[in-house]
Amino acid sequence: MTFVVPFDASELAEAALERAVEYGHALDEEVVVVTVVPERKRYAIEKGWIDEDGSFDVDAVVERLCDRVAALAPDASFDCECIREFPPEAELAERVERLARKHDPSVLFLGTDNVGRIATPLTSVGAHVADEEVCDVHVVRRPTARGDADLDSGADAASE
């Protein structure tokens, strides 16, 4: 089994990576991070990878993303694809899904607050990726897990 995490360095993507690492350690499974970087300045600005007045160096952006992954998950593998175009979200999601499928995922850890709602925004890459039935999807909607103390107290209560 492989746990795959689409990653754009957003708060929820980072939380999804942290959860994948936690599950990976518990189940002794590999974690692979996948990123698709459109080589367009506008996208990099929207993602917060560069400032609005900053220059866009694709290699520097990829290096920063790789460094961030290494800081959060030193044992995770990082796979990045740079694409020249800036496609619509559905096509971008297809690229992310194709890259994820390359690693034969058993679970996709997806950090997004736009999956599973009655009205899904058209601009959500996460909603498009989660819609495919490639593997199980673990959706991370909060930057922090619900109190570990709650889990610990539940385990204590169950053992009594």
C-alpha atoms as a PDB file:
ATOM      1  CA  MET A   1       0.000   0.000   0.000  1.00  0.00           C
ATOM      2  CA  THR A   2       1.074   3.549  -0.680  1.00  0.00           C
ATOM      3  CA  PHE A   3      -0.433   6.697   0.773  1.00  0.00           C
ATOM      4  CA  VAL A   4      -0.389   9.527  -1.755  1.00  0.00           C
ATOM      5  CA  VAL A   5      -0.825  13.197  -0.873  1.00  0.00           C
ATOM      6  CA  PRO A   6      -1.503  15.869  -3.507  1.00  0.00           C
ATOM      7  CA  PHE A   7       0.416  18.882  -2.200  1.00  0.00           C
ATOM      8  CA  ASP A   8       0.363  22.603  -2.914  1.00  0.00           C
ATOM      9  CA  ALA A   9       1.764  23.796   0.452  1.00  0.00           C
ATOM     10  CA  SER A  10      -1.622  25.085   1.587  1.00  0.00           C
ATOM     11  CA  GLU A  11      -2.545  24.683   5.242  1.00  0.00           C
ATOM     12  CA  LEU A  12      -4.896  21.779   4.507  1.00  0.00           C
ATOM     13  CA  ALA A  13      -2.416  20.054   2.173  1.00  0.00           C
ATOM     14  CA  GLU A  14       0.151  20.225   4.957  1.00  0.00           C
ATOM     15  CA  ALA A  15      -2.379  18.778   7.402  1.00  0.00           C
ATOM     16  CA  ALA A  16      -3.167  15.966   4.942  1.00  0.00           C
ATOM     17  CA  LEU A  17       0.543  15.200   4.659  1.00  0.00           C
ATOM     18  CA  GLU A  18       0.909  15.102   8.435  1.00  0.00           C
ATOM     19  CA  ARG A  19      -2.051  12.703   8.716  1.00  0.00           C
ATOM     20  CA  ALA A  20      -0.695  10.486   5.944  1.00  0.00           C
ATOM     21  CA  VAL A  21       2.625  10.304   7.783  1.00  0.00           C
ATOM     22  CA  GLU A  22       0.856   9.400  11.048  1.00  0.00           C
ATOM     23  CA  TYR A  23      -1.105   6.617   9.356  1.00  0.00           C
ATOM     24  CA  GLY A  24       1.974   5.554   7.394  1.00  0.00           C
ATOM     25  CA  HIS A  25       4.007   5.150  10.583  1.00  0.00           C
ATOM     26  CA  ALA A  26       1.198   3.243  12.290  1.00  0.00           C
ATOM     27  CA  LEU A  27       0.686   0.897   9.336  1.00  0.00           C
ATOM     28  CA  ASP A  28       4.278   0.843   8.046  1.00  0.00           C
ATOM     29  CA  GLU A  29       3.265   2.256   4.667  1.00  0.00           C
ATOM     30  CA  GLU A  30       5.121   4.479   2.222  1.00  0.00           C
ATOM     31  CA  VAL A  31       4.007   8.106   1.788  1.00  0.00           C
ATOM     32  CA  VAL A  32       4.398   9.791  -1.591  1.00  0.00           C
ATOM     33  CA  VAL A  33       3.716  13.482  -2.168  1.00  0.00           C
ATOM     34  CA  VAL A  34       2.658  14.594  -5.644  1.00  0.00           C
ATOM     35  CA  THR A  35       2.615  18.135  -6.970  1.00  0.00           C
ATOM     36  CA  VAL A  36       1.715  19.596 -10.336  1.00  0.00           C
ATOM     37  CA  VAL A  37       3.181  23.034 -10.992  1.00  0.00           C
ATOM     38  CA  PRO A  38       1.760  25.002 -13.915  1.00  0.00           C
ATOM     39  CA  GLU A  39       4.530  27.225 -15.229  1.00  0.00           C
ATOM     40  CA  ARG A  40       2.384  30.322 -14.964  1.00  0.00           C
ATOM     41  CA  LYS A  41       3.034  33.241 -12.646  1.00  0.00           C
ATOM     42  CA  ARG A  42      -0.679  33.868 -11.978  1.00  0.00           C
ATOM     43  CA  TYR A  43      -1.128  30.353 -10.552  1.00  0.00           C
ATOM     44  CA  ALA A  44       1.986  30.687  -8.394  1.00  0.00           C
ATOM     45  CA  ILE A  45       0.638  33.953  -6.980  1.00  0.00           C
ATOM     46  CA  GLU A  46      -2.795  32.400  -6.304  1.00  0.00           C
ATOM     47  CA  LYS A  47      -1.146  29.510  -4.417  1.00  0.00           C
ATOM     48  CA  GLY A  48       1.062  31.863  -2.416  1.00  0.00           C
ATOM     49  CA  TRP A  49       4.242  30.359  -3.853  1.00  0.00           C
ATOM     50  CA  ILE A  50       5.489  33.821  -4.878  1.00  0.00           C
ATOM     51  CA  ASP A  51       4.593  37.426  -4.099  1.00  0.00           C
ATOM     52  CA  GLU A  52       2.564  39.380  -6.616  1.00  0.00           C
ATOM     53  CA  ASP A  53       5.562  41.490  -7.580  1.00  0.00           C
ATOM     54  CA  GLY A  54       8.048  38.613  -7.382  1.00  0.00           C
ATOM     55  CA  SER A  55       9.675  36.881 -10.303  1.00  0.00           C
ATOM     56  CA  PHE A  56       8.570  33.364 -11.145  1.00  0.00           C
ATOM     57  CA  ASP A  57      11.337  30.780 -11.210  1.00  0.00           C
ATOM     58  CA  VAL A  58       9.761  27.348 -11.623  1.00  0.00           C
ATOM     59  CA  ASP A  59      12.821  25.508 -10.336  1.00  0.00           C
ATOM     60  CA  ALA A  60      12.909  27.680  -7.208  1.00  0.00           C
ATOM     61  CA  VAL A  61       9.198  27.038  -6.552  1.00  0.00           C
ATOM     62  CA  VAL A  62       9.666  23.280  -6.950  1.00  0.00           C
ATOM     63  CA  GLU A  63      12.684  23.389  -4.644  1.00  0.00           C
ATOM     64  CA  ARG A  64      10.703  25.287  -1.975  1.00  0.00           C
ATOM     65  CA  LEU A  65       7.831  22.780  -2.235  1.00  0.00           C
ATOM     66  CA  CYS A  66      10.279  19.893  -1.955  1.00  0.00           C
ATOM     67  CA  ASP A  67      11.949  21.528   1.054  1.00  0.00           C
ATOM     68  CA  ARG A  68       8.571  22.026   2.735  1.00  0.00           C
ATOM     69  CA  VAL A  69       7.683  18.374   2.196  1.00  0.00           C
ATOM     70  CA  ALA A  70      11.064  17.319   3.601  1.00  0.00           C
ATOM     71  CA  ALA A  71      10.486  19.488   6.679  1.00  0.00           C
ATOM     72  CA  LEU A  72       7.036  17.988   7.315  1.00  0.00           C
ATOM     73  CA  ALA A  73       7.734  14.411   6.236  1.00  0.00           C
ATOM     74  CA  PRO A  74      11.439  13.586   5.930  1.00  0.00           C
ATOM     75  CA  ASP A  75      10.752   9.969   4.908  1.00  0.00           C
ATOM     76  CA  ALA A  76       8.173  10.806   2.226  1.00  0.00           C
ATOM     77  CA  SER A  77       8.988  10.681  -1.469  1.00  0.00           C
ATOM     78  CA  PHE A  78       8.305  13.781  -3.584  1.00  0.00           C
ATOM     79  CA  ASP A  79       7.161  13.605  -7.204  1.00  0.00           C
ATOM     80  CA  CYS A  80       6.579  16.800  -9.137  1.00  0.00           C
ATOM     81  CA  GLU A  81       5.421  17.476 -12.673  1.00  0.00           C
ATOM     82  CA  CYS A  82       5.789  20.907 -14.250  1.00  0.00           C
ATOM     83  CA  ILE A  83       3.375  21.756 -17.035  1.00  0.00           C
ATOM     84  CA  ARG A  84       3.559  24.711 -19.386  1.00  0.00           C
ATOM     85  CA  GLU A  85      -0.145  25.430 -19.596  1.00  0.00           C
ATOM     86  CA  PHE A  86      -2.491  26.699 -16.908  1.00  0.00           C
ATOM     87  CA  PRO A  87      -5.476  24.419 -17.537  1.00  0.00           C
ATOM     88  CA  PRO A  88      -8.959  24.661 -16.057  1.00  0.00           C
ATOM     89  CA  GLU A  89      -9.274  23.078 -12.604  1.00  0.00           C
ATOM     90  CA  ALA A  90     -10.762  19.830 -13.957  1.00  0.00           C
ATOM     91  CA  GLU A  91      -7.776  19.320 -16.283  1.00  0.00           C
ATOM     92  CA  LEU A  92      -5.345  20.246 -13.522  1.00  0.00           C
ATOM     93  CA  ALA A  93      -7.055  17.679 -11.301  1.00  0.00           C
ATOM     94  CA  GLU A  94      -6.632  15.085 -14.065  1.00  0.00           C
ATOM     95  CA  ARG A  95      -2.876  15.800 -14.070  1.00  0.00           C
ATOM     96  CA  VAL A  96      -2.743  15.422 -10.279  1.00  0.00           C
ATOM     97  CA  GLU A  97      -4.729  12.191 -10.459  1.00  0.00           C
ATOM     98  CA  ARG A  98      -2.507  10.789 -13.223  1.00  0.00           C
ATOM     99  CA  LEU A  99       0.598  11.586 -11.190  1.00  0.00           C
ATOM    100  CA  ALA A 100      -0.964  10.008  -8.087  1.00  0.00           C
ATOM    101  CA  ARG A 101      -1.991   6.868 -10.018  1.00  0.00           C
ATOM    102  CA  LYS A 102       1.621   6.386 -11.089  1.00  0.00           C
ATOM    103  CA  HIS A 103       2.352   5.457  -7.459  1.00  0.00           C
ATOM    104  CA  ASP A 104      -0.484   2.909  -7.209  1.00  0.00           C
ATOM    105  CA  PRO A 105      -2.116   4.509  -4.162  1.00  0.00           C
ATOM    106  CA  SER A 106      -4.215   2.567  -1.722  1.00  0.00           C
ATOM    107  CA  VAL A 107      -5.325   5.790  -0.015  1.00  0.00           C
ATOM    108  CA  LEU A 108      -5.269   9.354  -1.253  1.00  0.00           C
ATOM    109  CA  PHE A 109      -4.943  11.894   1.581  1.00  0.00           C
ATOM    110  CA  LEU A 110      -6.619  15.035   0.338  1.00  0.00           C
ATOM    111  CA  GLY A 111      -6.523  18.342   2.195  1.00  0.00           C
ATOM    112  CA  THR A 112      -9.567  20.328   1.141  1.00  0.00           C
ATOM    113  CA  ASP A 113     -12.668  21.881   2.581  1.00  0.00           C
ATOM    114  CA  ASN A 114     -14.499  21.576  -0.746  1.00  0.00           C
ATOM    115  CA  VAL A 115     -15.246  17.850  -0.924  1.00  0.00           C
ATOM    116  CA  GLY A 116     -18.491  16.231   0.076  1.00  0.00           C
ATOM    117  CA  ARG A 117     -20.626  19.309   0.235  1.00  0.00           C
ATOM    118  CA  ILE A 118     -23.926  19.605  -1.553  1.00  0.00           C
ATOM    119  CA  ALA A 119     -22.594  22.452  -3.666  1.00  0.00           C
ATOM    120  CA  THR A 120     -19.018  21.907  -4.784  1.00  0.00           C
ATOM    121  CA  PRO A 121     -17.151  24.927  -6.111  1.00  0.00           C
ATOM    122  CA  LEU A 122     -16.161  24.588  -9.738  1.00  0.00           C
ATOM    123  CA  THR A 123     -12.681  25.827  -8.879  1.00  0.00           C
ATOM    124  CA  SER A 124     -11.805  22.974  -6.526  1.00  0.00           C
ATOM    125  CA  VAL A 125      -9.070  20.657  -7.769  1.00  0.00           C
ATOM    126  CA  GLY A 126      -9.681  18.532  -4.673  1.00  0.00           C
ATOM    127  CA  ALA A 127     -13.323  17.954  -5.547  1.00  0.00           C
ATOM    128  CA  HIS A 128     -12.368  16.689  -8.995  1.00  0.00           C
ATOM    129  CA  VAL A 129      -9.585  14.424  -7.710  1.00  0.00           C
ATOM    130  CA  ALA A 130     -11.785  12.946  -4.970  1.00  0.00           C
ATOM    131  CA  ASP A 131     -14.536  12.268  -7.499  1.00  0.00           C
ATOM    132  CA  GLU A 132     -12.464   9.600  -9.264  1.00  0.00           C
ATOM    133  CA  GLU A 133     -12.688   6.039  -7.943  1.00  0.00           C
ATOM    134  CA  VAL A 134      -8.981   5.239  -8.178  1.00  0.00           C
ATOM    135  CA  CYS A 135      -8.594   4.439  -4.474  1.00  0.00           C
ATOM    136  CA  ASP A 136      -9.957   5.280  -1.038  1.00  0.00           C
ATOM    137  CA  VAL A 137      -9.853   8.971  -0.140  1.00  0.00           C
ATOM    138  CA  HIS A 138      -9.106  10.352   3.303  1.00  0.00           C
ATOM    139  CA  VAL A 139     -10.402  13.925   3.336  1.00  0.00           C
ATOM    140  CA  VAL A 140      -8.717  16.347   5.724  1.00  0.00           C
ATOM    141  CA  ARG A 141     -10.947  19.353   6.367  1.00  0.00           C
ATOM    142  CA  ARG A 142      -9.218  20.844   9.422  1.00  0.00           C
ATOM    143  CA  PRO A 143      -5.615  21.942   9.800  1.00  0.00           C
ATOM    144  CA  THR A 144      -5.372  20.122  13.142  1.00  0.00           C
ATOM    145  CA  ALA A 145      -6.786  16.761  14.110  1.00  0.00           C
ATOM    146  CA  ARG A 146      -9.651  16.675  16.563  1.00  0.00           C
ATOM    147  CA  GLY A 147      -8.122  16.641  20.030  1.00  0.00           C
ATOM    148  CA  ASP A 148      -5.859  13.700  20.650  1.00  0.00           C
ATOM    149  CA  ALA A 149      -6.960  13.962  24.283  1.00  0.00           C
ATOM    150  CA  ASP A 150     -10.463  12.981  23.156  1.00  0.00           C
ATOM    151  CA  LEU A 151      -9.055   9.883  21.475  1.00  0.00           C
ATOM    152  CA  ASP A 152      -6.972   8.975  24.516  1.00  0.00           C
ATOM    153  CA  SER A 153      -9.900   9.405  26.926  1.00  0.00           C
ATOM    154  CA  GLY A 154     -12.097   7.314  24.632  1.00  0.00           C
ATOM    155  CA  ALA A 155      -9.542   4.509  24.711  1.00  0.00           C
ATOM    156  CA  ASP A 156      -9.371   4.722  28.514  1.00  0.00           C
ATOM    157  CA  ALA A 157     -13.153   4.592  28.811  1.00  0.00           C
ATOM    158  CA  ALA A 158     -13.351   1.595  26.488  1.00  0.00           C
ATOM    159  CA  SER A 159     -10.848  -0.362  28.578  1.00  0.00           C
ATOM    160  CA  GLU A 160     -12.773   0.130  31.832  1.00  0.00           C
END
